[in-house]
PDB file of N, CA and C in Angstrom:
ATOM      1  N   MET A   1     -71.220  13.777 -15.492  1.00  0.00           N
ATOM      2  CA  MET A   1     -71.290  13.082 -16.759  1.00  0.00           C
ATOM      3  C   MET A   1     -72.695  13.218 -17.330  1.00  0.00           C
ATOM      4  N   LEU A   2     -72.761  13.356 -18.622  1.00  0.00           N
ATOM      5  CA  LEU A   2     -74.061  13.503 -19.271  1.00  0.00           C
ATOM      6  C   LEU A   2     -74.793  12.166 -19.316  1.00  0.00           C
ATOM      7  N   SER A   3     -76.096  12.216 -19.196  1.00  0.00           N
ATOM      8  CA  SER A   3     -76.865  10.975 -19.264  1.00  0.00           C
ATOM      9  C   SER A   3     -76.920  10.486 -20.707  1.00  0.00           C
ATOM     10  N   ARG A   4     -77.221   9.220 -20.851  1.00  0.00           N
ATOM     11  CA  ARG A   4     -77.263   8.614 -22.185  1.00  0.00           C
ATOM     12  C   ARG A   4     -78.369   9.231 -23.031  1.00  0.00           C
ATOM     13  N   ARG A   5     -79.458   9.634 -22.394  1.00  0.00           N
ATOM     14  CA  ARG A   5     -80.564  10.254 -23.138  1.00  0.00           C
ATOM     15  C   ARG A   5     -80.128  11.593 -23.729  1.00  0.00           C
ATOM     16  N   VAL A   6     -79.410  12.379 -22.949  1.00  0.00           N
ATOM     17  CA  VAL A   6     -78.923  13.668 -23.438  1.00  0.00           C
ATOM     18  C   VAL A   6     -77.947  13.458 -24.585  1.00  0.00           C
ATOM     19  N   LEU A   7     -77.070  12.467 -24.471  1.00  0.00           N
ATOM     20  CA  LEU A   7     -76.121  12.193 -25.542  1.00  0.00           C
ATOM     21  C   LEU A   7     -76.828  11.766 -26.830  1.00  0.00           C
ATOM     22  N   ARG A   8     -77.874  10.960 -26.698  1.00  0.00           N
ATOM     23  CA  ARG A   8     -78.626  10.554 -27.902  1.00  0.00           C
ATOM     24  C   ARG A   8     -79.313  11.756 -28.548  1.00  0.00           C
ATOM     25  N   ILE A   9     -79.829  12.660 -27.736  1.00  0.00           N
ATOM     26  CA  ILE A   9     -80.453  13.868 -28.279  1.00  0.00           C
ATOM     27  C   ILE A   9     -79.410  14.733 -28.987  1.00  0.00           C
ATOM     28  N   LEU A  10     -78.220  14.864 -28.380  1.00  0.00           N
ATOM     29  CA  LEU A  10     -77.151  15.645 -29.015  1.00  0.00           C
ATOM     30  C   LEU A  10     -76.711  15.025 -30.344  1.00  0.00           C
ATOM     31  N   ILE A  11     -76.651  13.708 -30.394  1.00  0.00           N
ATOM     32  CA  ILE A  11     -76.283  13.035 -31.645  1.00  0.00           C
ATOM     33  C   ILE A  11     -77.349  13.295 -32.707  1.00  0.00           C
ATOM     34  N   ALA A  12     -78.616  13.205 -32.332  1.00  0.00           N
ATOM     35  CA  ALA A  12     -79.692  13.440 -33.299  1.00  0.00           C
ATOM     36  C   ALA A  12     -79.660  14.881 -33.813  1.00  0.00           C
ATOM     37  N   ILE A  13     -79.459  15.838 -32.910  1.00  0.00           N
ATOM     38  CA  ILE A  13     -79.395  17.238 -33.327  1.00  0.00           C
ATOM     39  C   ILE A  13     -78.194  17.463 -34.238  1.00  0.00           C
ATOM     40  N   GLY A  14     -77.058  16.871 -33.888  1.00  0.00           N
ATOM     41  CA  GLY A  14     -75.865  17.018 -34.712  1.00  0.00           C
ATOM     42  C   GLY A  14     -76.043  16.440 -36.107  1.00  0.00           C
ATOM     43  N   LEU A  15     -76.714  15.298 -36.207  1.00  0.00           N
ATOM     44  CA  LEU A  15     -76.940  14.692 -37.526  1.00  0.00           C
ATOM     45  C   LEU A  15     -77.886  15.533 -38.376  1.00  0.00           C
ATOM     46  N   VAL A  16     -78.957  16.027 -37.764  1.00  0.00           N
ATOM     47  CA  VAL A  16     -79.892  16.879 -38.507  1.00  0.00           C
ATOM     48  C   VAL A  16     -79.191  18.152 -38.968  1.00  0.00           C
ATOM     49  N   LEU A  17     -78.389  18.742 -38.093  1.00  0.00           N
ATOM     50  CA  LEU A  17     -77.656  19.950 -38.452  1.00  0.00           C
ATOM     51  C   LEU A  17     -76.649  19.684 -39.569  1.00  0.00           C
ATOM     52  N   LEU A  18     -75.985  18.525 -39.531  1.00  0.00           N
ATOM     53  CA  LEU A  18     -75.017  18.185 -40.565  1.00  0.00           C
ATOM     54  C   LEU A  18     -75.688  18.052 -41.924  1.00  0.00           C
ATOM     55  N   VAL A  19     -76.793  17.353 -41.979  1.00  0.00           N
ATOM     56  CA  VAL A  19     -77.505  17.193 -43.253  1.00  0.00           C
ATOM     57  C   VAL A  19     -77.990  18.550 -43.757  1.00  0.00           C
ATOM     58  N   THR A  20     -78.528  19.368 -42.869  1.00  0.00           N
ATOM     59  CA  THR A  20     -79.006  20.693 -43.265  1.00  0.00           C
ATOM     60  C   THR A  20     -77.867  21.553 -43.810  1.00  0.00           C
ATOM     61  N   LEU A  21     -76.721  21.525 -43.140  1.00  0.00           N
ATOM     62  CA  LEU A  21     -75.586  22.331 -43.599  1.00  0.00           C
ATOM     63  C   LEU A  21     -75.053  21.853 -44.945  1.00  0.00           C
ATOM     64  N   LEU A  22     -75.010  20.544 -45.143  1.00  0.00           N
ATOM     65  CA  LEU A  22     -74.517  20.035 -46.423  1.00  0.00           C
ATOM     66  C   LEU A  22     -75.457  20.400 -47.574  1.00  0.00           C
ATOM     67  N   VAL A  23     -76.760  20.345 -47.317  1.00  0.00           N
ATOM     68  CA  VAL A  23     -77.718  20.779 -48.347  1.00  0.00           C
ATOM     69  C   VAL A  23     -77.557  22.272 -48.609  1.00  0.00           C
ATOM     70  N   ALA A  24     -77.364  23.051 -47.550  1.00  0.00           N
ATOM     71  CA  ALA A  24     -77.183  24.497 -47.713  1.00  0.00           C
ATOM     72  C   ALA A  24     -75.926  24.802 -48.518  1.00  0.00           C
ATOM     73  N   VAL A  25     -74.836  24.078 -48.267  1.00  0.00           N
ATOM     74  CA  VAL A  25     -73.607  24.288 -49.040  1.00  0.00           C
ATOM     75  C   VAL A  25     -73.861  24.034 -50.518  1.00  0.00           C
ATOM     76  N   PHE A  26     -74.559  22.947 -50.824  1.00  0.00           N
ATOM     77  CA  PHE A  26     -74.836  22.621 -52.219  1.00  0.00           C
ATOM     78  C   PHE A  26     -75.725  23.677 -52.871  1.00  0.00           C
ATOM     79  N   VAL A  27     -76.809  24.054 -52.214  1.00  0.00           N
ATOM     80  CA  VAL A  27     -77.759  25.006 -52.805  1.00  0.00           C
ATOM     81  C   VAL A  27     -77.114  26.390 -52.961  1.00  0.00           C
ATOM     82  N   ILE A  28     -76.428  26.852 -51.929  1.00  0.00           N
ATOM     83  CA  ILE A  28     -75.808  28.180 -52.002  1.00  0.00           C
ATOM     84  C   ILE A  28     -74.666  28.188 -53.018  1.00  0.00           C
ATOM     85  N   GLY A  29     -73.898  27.096 -53.077  1.00  0.00           N
ATOM     86  CA  GLY A  29     -72.834  27.005 -54.078  1.00  0.00           C
ATOM     87  C   GLY A  29     -73.387  27.012 -55.495  1.00  0.00           C
ATOM     88  N   ALA A  30     -74.487  26.299 -55.708  1.00  0.00           N
ATOM     89  CA  ALA A  30     -75.107  26.294 -57.035  1.00  0.00           C
ATOM     90  C   ALA A  30     -75.648  27.678 -57.384  1.00  0.00           C
ATOM     91  N   LEU A  31     -76.224  28.364 -56.420  1.00  0.00           N
ATOM     92  CA  LEU A  31     -76.726  29.707 -56.663  1.00  0.00           C
ATOM     93  C   LEU A  31     -75.582  30.678 -56.943  1.00  0.00           C
ATOM     94  N   ALA A  32     -74.463  30.505 -56.257  1.00  0.00           N
ATOM     95  CA  ALA A  32     -73.290  31.347 -56.524  1.00  0.00           C
ATOM     96  C   ALA A  32     -72.775  31.103 -57.941  1.00  0.00           C
ATOM     97  N   TRP A  33     -72.745  29.848 -58.357  1.00  0.00           N
ATOM     98  CA  TRP A  33     -72.321  29.529 -59.719  1.00  0.00           C
ATOM     99  C   TRP A  33     -73.272  30.155 -60.744  1.00  0.00           C
ATOM    100  N   LEU A  34     -74.571  30.095 -60.462  1.00  0.00           N
ATOM    101  CA  LEU A  34     -75.562  30.680 -61.361  1.00  0.00           C
ATOM    102  C   LEU A  34     -75.389  32.194 -61.464  1.00  0.00           C
ATOM    103  N   LEU A  35     -75.166  32.848 -60.335  1.00  0.00           N
ATOM    104  CA  LEU A  35     -74.958  34.297 -60.362  1.00  0.00           C
ATOM    105  C   LEU A  35     -73.689  34.654 -61.128  1.00  0.00           C
ATOM    106  N   GLY A  36     -72.646  33.841 -60.992  1.00  0.00           N
ATOM    107  CA  GLY A  36     -71.421  34.085 -61.755  1.00  0.00           C
ATOM    108  C   GLY A  36     -71.636  33.923 -63.239  1.00  0.00           C
ATOM    109  N   ALA A  37     -72.454  32.943 -63.618  1.00  0.00           N
ATOM    110  CA  ALA A  37     -72.748  32.735 -65.036  1.00  0.00           C
ATOM    111  C   ALA A  37     -73.592  33.872 -65.600  1.00  0.00           C
ATOM    112  N   MET A  38     -74.371  34.525 -64.748  1.00  0.00           N
ATOM    113  CA  MET A  38     -75.190  35.639 -65.206  1.00  0.00           C
ATOM    114  C   MET A  38     -74.426  36.960 -65.169  1.00  0.00           C
ATOM    115  N   GLY A  39     -73.206  36.938 -64.653  1.00  0.00           N
ATOM    116  CA  GLY A  39     -72.385  38.141 -64.658  1.00  0.00           C
ATOM    117  C   GLY A  39     -72.430  38.949 -63.375  1.00  0.00           C
ATOM    118  N   ASP A  40     -73.053  38.435 -62.347  1.00  0.00           N
ATOM    119  CA  ASP A  40     -73.126  39.152 -61.066  1.00  0.00           C
ATOM    120  C   ASP A  40     -71.960  38.701 -60.187  1.00  0.00           C
ATOM    121  N   LEU A  41     -70.804  39.303 -60.381  1.00  0.00           N
ATOM    122  CA  LEU A  41     -69.617  38.890 -59.652  1.00  0.00           C
ATOM    123  C   LEU A  41     -69.670  39.207 -58.157  1.00  0.00           C
ATOM    124  N   PRO A  42     -70.199  40.367 -57.735  1.00  0.00           N
ATOM    125  CA  PRO A  42     -70.304  40.581 -56.280  1.00  0.00           C
ATOM    126  C   PRO A  42     -71.218  39.560 -55.593  1.00  0.00           C
ATOM    127  N   GLY A  43     -72.321  39.246 -56.245  1.00  0.00           N
ATOM    128  CA  GLY A  43     -73.233  38.246 -55.683  1.00  0.00           C
ATOM    129  C   GLY A  43     -72.582  36.876 -55.617  1.00  0.00           C
ATOM    130  N   GLN A  44     -71.824  36.529 -56.651  1.00  0.00           N
ATOM    131  CA  GLN A  44     -71.120  35.255 -56.659  1.00  0.00           C
ATOM    132  C   GLN A  44     -70.097  35.191 -55.529  1.00  0.00           C
ATOM    133  N   THR A  45     -69.393  36.295 -55.317  1.00  0.00           N
ATOM    134  CA  THR A  45     -68.383  36.324 -54.264  1.00  0.00           C
ATOM    135  C   THR A  45     -69.022  36.178 -52.886  1.00  0.00           C
ATOM    136  N   VAL A  46     -70.089  36.911 -52.644  1.00  0.00           N
ATOM    137  CA  VAL A  46     -70.754  36.849 -51.334  1.00  0.00           C
ATOM    138  C   VAL A  46     -71.293  35.450 -51.078  1.00  0.00           C
ATOM    139  N   LEU A  47     -71.993  34.882 -52.046  1.00  0.00           N
ATOM    140  CA  LEU A  47     -72.556  33.552 -51.842  1.00  0.00           C
ATOM    141  C   LEU A  47     -71.456  32.490 -51.757  1.00  0.00           C
ATOM    142  N   GLY A  48     -70.349  32.714 -52.435  1.00  0.00           N
ATOM    143  CA  GLY A  48     -69.222  31.795 -52.305  1.00  0.00           C
ATOM    144  C   GLY A  48     -68.684  31.776 -50.878  1.00  0.00           C
ATOM    145  N   TRP A  49     -68.584  32.965 -50.271  1.00  0.00           N
ATOM    146  CA  TRP A  49     -68.125  33.038 -48.885  1.00  0.00           C
ATOM    147  C   TRP A  49     -69.150  32.425 -47.934  1.00  0.00           C
ATOM    148  N   VAL A  50     -70.430  32.625 -48.204  1.00  0.00           N
ATOM    149  CA  VAL A  50     -71.470  32.028 -47.358  1.00  0.00           C
ATOM    150  C   VAL A  50     -71.430  30.506 -47.463  1.00  0.00           C
ATOM    151  N   ALA A  51     -71.244  29.979 -48.679  1.00  0.00           N
ATOM    152  CA  ALA A  51     -71.141  28.533 -48.849  1.00  0.00           C
ATOM    153  C   ALA A  51     -69.907  27.993 -48.120  1.00  0.00           C
ATOM    154  N   LEU A  52     -68.808  28.732 -48.173  1.00  0.00           N
ATOM    155  CA  LEU A  52     -67.601  28.320 -47.459  1.00  0.00           C
ATOM    156  C   LEU A  52     -67.841  28.309 -45.953  1.00  0.00           C
ATOM    157  N   ALA A  53     -68.547  29.312 -45.444  1.00  0.00           N
ATOM    158  CA  ALA A  53     -68.858  29.360 -44.011  1.00  0.00           C
ATOM    159  C   ALA A  53     -69.736  28.175 -43.605  1.00  0.00           C
ATOM    160  N   CYS A  54     -70.707  27.835 -44.433  1.00  0.00           N
ATOM    161  CA  CYS A  54     -71.554  26.675 -44.140  1.00  0.00           C
ATOM    162  C   CYS A  54     -70.731  25.393 -44.162  1.00  0.00           C
ATOM    163  N   GLY A  55     -69.794  25.297 -45.083  1.00  0.00           N
ATOM    164  CA  GLY A  55     -68.914  24.130 -45.131  1.00  0.00           C
ATOM    165  C   GLY A  55     -68.046  24.017 -43.888  1.00  0.00           C
ATOM    166  N   LEU A  56     -67.528  25.149 -43.413  1.00  0.00           N
ATOM    167  CA  LEU A  56     -66.729  25.134 -42.183  1.00  0.00           C
ATOM    168  C   LEU A  56     -67.583  24.742 -40.983  1.00  0.00           C
ATOM    169  N   LEU A  57     -68.819  25.222 -40.944  1.00  0.00           N
ATOM    170  CA  LEU A  57     -69.720  24.816 -39.860  1.00  0.00           C
ATOM    171  C   LEU A  57     -70.017  23.322 -39.926  1.00  0.00           C
ATOM    172  N   ALA A  58     -70.111  22.764 -41.131  1.00  0.00           N
ATOM    173  CA  ALA A  58     -70.333  21.323 -41.271  1.00  0.00           C
ATOM    174  C   ALA A  58     -69.131  20.544 -40.733  1.00  0.00           C
ATOM    175  N   VAL A  59     -67.920  21.031 -40.988  1.00  0.00           N
ATOM    176  CA  VAL A  59     -66.722  20.361 -40.464  1.00  0.00           C
ATOM    177  C   VAL A  59     -66.697  20.438 -38.936  1.00  0.00           C
ATOM    178  N   ILE A  60     -67.040  21.598 -38.383  1.00  0.00           N
ATOM    179  CA  ILE A  60     -67.098  21.736 -36.927  1.00  0.00           C
ATOM    180  C   ILE A  60     -68.153  20.794 -36.349  1.00  0.00           C
ATOM    181  N   ASP A  61     -69.278  20.654 -37.042  1.00  0.00           N
ATOM    182  CA  ASP A  61     -70.330  19.756 -36.597  1.00  0.00           C
ATOM    183  C   ASP A  61     -69.851  18.306 -36.638  1.00  0.00           C
ATOM    184  N   LEU A  62     -69.079  17.936 -37.644  1.00  0.00           N
ATOM    185  CA  LEU A  62     -68.533  16.579 -37.706  1.00  0.00           C
ATOM    186  C   LEU A  62     -67.604  16.312 -36.522  1.00  0.00           C
ATOM    187  N   ILE A  63     -66.769  17.274 -36.174  1.00  0.00           N
ATOM    188  CA  ILE A  63     -65.881  17.120 -35.023  1.00  0.00           C
ATOM    189  C   ILE A  63     -66.711  16.969 -33.749  1.00  0.00           C
ATOM    190  N   PHE A  64     -67.760  17.787 -33.627  1.00  0.00           N
ATOM    191  CA  PHE A  64     -68.664  17.692 -32.482  1.00  0.00           C
ATOM    192  C   PHE A  64     -69.299  16.299 -32.403  1.00  0.00           C
ATOM    193  N   LEU A  65     -69.748  15.771 -33.543  1.00  0.00           N
ATOM    194  CA  LEU A  65     -70.373  14.452 -33.551  1.00  0.00           C
ATOM    195  C   LEU A  65     -69.387  13.366 -33.142  1.00  0.00           C
ATOM    196  N   VAL A  66     -68.152  13.451 -33.615  1.00  0.00           N
ATOM    197  CA  VAL A  66     -67.149  12.457 -33.231  1.00  0.00           C
ATOM    198  C   VAL A  66     -66.909  12.492 -31.724  1.00  0.00           C
ATOM    199  N   LEU A  67     -66.822  13.693 -31.157  1.00  0.00           N
ATOM    200  CA  LEU A  67     -66.614  13.809 -29.714  1.00  0.00           C
ATOM    201  C   LEU A  67     -67.801  13.269 -28.921  1.00  0.00           C
ATOM    202  N   VAL A  68     -69.004  13.569 -29.350  1.00  0.00           N
ATOM    203  CA  VAL A  68     -70.190  13.099 -28.625  1.00  0.00           C
ATOM    204  C   VAL A  68     -70.314  11.585 -28.722  1.00  0.00           C
ATOM    205  N   VAL A  69     -70.036  11.027 -29.894  1.00  0.00           N
ATOM    206  CA  VAL A  69     -70.104   9.570 -30.039  1.00  0.00           C
ATOM    207  C   VAL A  69     -69.007   8.905 -29.202  1.00  0.00           C
ATOM    208  N   ALA A  70     -67.835   9.525 -29.116  1.00  0.00           N
ATOM    209  CA  ALA A  70     -66.765   8.973 -28.278  1.00  0.00           C
ATOM    210  C   ALA A  70     -67.176   8.987 -26.808  1.00  0.00           C
ATOM    211  N   ILE A  71     -67.769  10.079 -26.347  1.00  0.00           N
ATOM    212  CA  ILE A  71     -68.240  10.148 -24.960  1.00  0.00           C
ATOM    213  C   ILE A  71     -69.330   9.108 -24.727  1.00  0.00           C
ATOM    214  N   HIS A  72     -70.213   8.963 -25.705  1.00  0.00           N
ATOM    215  CA  HIS A  72     -71.294   7.987 -25.609  1.00  0.00           C
ATOM    216  C   HIS A  72     -70.722   6.567 -25.519  1.00  0.00           C
ATOM    217  N   THR A  73     -69.704   6.280 -26.304  1.00  0.00           N
ATOM    218  CA  THR A  73     -69.110   4.943 -26.318  1.00  0.00           C
ATOM    219  C   THR A  73     -68.316   4.681 -25.039  1.00  0.00           C
ATOM    220  N   LEU A  74     -67.548   5.659 -24.585  1.00  0.00           N
ATOM    221  CA  LEU A  74     -66.748   5.474 -23.382  1.00  0.00           C
ATOM    222  C   LEU A  74     -67.615   5.339 -22.135  1.00  0.00           C
ATOM    223  N   GLY A  75     -68.783   5.913 -22.162  1.00  0.00           N
ATOM    224  CA  GLY A  75     -69.681   5.820 -21.016  1.00  0.00           C
ATOM    225  C   GLY A  75     -70.505   4.549 -21.006  1.00  0.00           C
ATOM    226  N   ALA A  76     -70.394   3.731 -22.050  1.00  0.00           N
ATOM    227  CA  ALA A  76     -71.180   2.501 -22.132  1.00  0.00           C
ATOM    228  C   ALA A  76     -70.615   1.466 -21.154  1.00  0.00           C
ATOM    229  N   PRO A  77     -71.466   0.629 -20.596  1.00  0.00           N
ATOM    230  CA  PRO A  77     -70.960  -0.426 -19.707  1.00  0.00           C
ATOM    231  C   PRO A  77     -70.111  -1.421 -20.492  1.00  0.00           C
ATOM    232  N   GLU A  78     -69.110  -2.012 -19.815  1.00  0.00           N
ATOM    233  CA  GLU A  78     -68.215  -2.937 -20.499  1.00  0.00           C
ATOM    234  C   GLU A  78     -68.917  -4.231 -20.883  1.00  0.00           C
ATOM    235  N   HIS A  79     -69.804  -4.684 -20.039  1.00  0.00           N
ATOM    236  CA  HIS A  79     -70.526  -5.922 -20.321  1.00  0.00           C
ATOM    237  C   HIS A  79     -71.997  -5.597 -20.495  1.00  0.00           C
ATOM    238  N   PRO A  80     -72.588  -6.084 -21.574  1.00  0.00           N
ATOM    239  CA  PRO A  80     -74.034  -5.813 -21.733  1.00  0.00           C
ATOM    240  C   PRO A  80     -74.813  -6.544 -20.645  1.00  0.00           C
ATOM    241  N   PRO A  81     -75.923  -5.956 -20.236  1.00  0.00           N
ATOM    242  CA  PRO A  81     -76.717  -6.615 -19.183  1.00  0.00           C
ATOM    243  C   PRO A  81     -77.267  -7.946 -19.683  1.00  0.00           C
ATOM    244  N   ASP A  82     -77.427  -8.874 -18.744  1.00  0.00           N
ATOM    245  CA  ASP A  82     -77.974 -10.181 -19.110  1.00  0.00           C
ATOM    246  C   ASP A  82     -79.421 -10.032 -19.557  1.00  0.00           C
ATOM    247  N   GLU A  83     -79.736 -10.726 -20.653  1.00  0.00           N
ATOM    248  CA  GLU A  83     -81.107 -10.685 -21.149  1.00  0.00           C
ATOM    249  C   GLU A  83     -81.930 -11.742 -20.417  1.00  0.00           C
ATOM    250  N   PRO A  84     -83.114 -11.369 -19.982  1.00  0.00           N
ATOM    251  CA  PRO A  84     -83.955 -12.370 -19.334  1.00  0.00           C
ATOM    252  C   PRO A  84     -84.436 -13.398 -20.348  1.00  0.00           C
ATOM    253  N   SER A  85     -84.454 -14.634 -19.929  1.00  0.00           N
ATOM    254  CA  SER A  85     -84.902 -15.667 -20.873  1.00  0.00           C
ATOM    255  C   SER A  85     -86.212 -16.265 -20.456  1.00  0.00           C
TER     256      SER A  85
END
């Protein structure tokens, strides 16, 4: 079983990757739209496919995050430790 520290690191990496991919989808999609407006249809098509690939990677990352958070939650103790008073 993975340690809690490793799971927290995986969650942090997954969140950073998700935000990066979503920004990339937006920027590449906007650039594809701009190229289409300028009449560069091959460029628009290529960047459209790249934006779609980034979107699919974001969905895969979301699935990964759900699985890691589920493992993190299932590995948690049922009763929180007593707090010293």
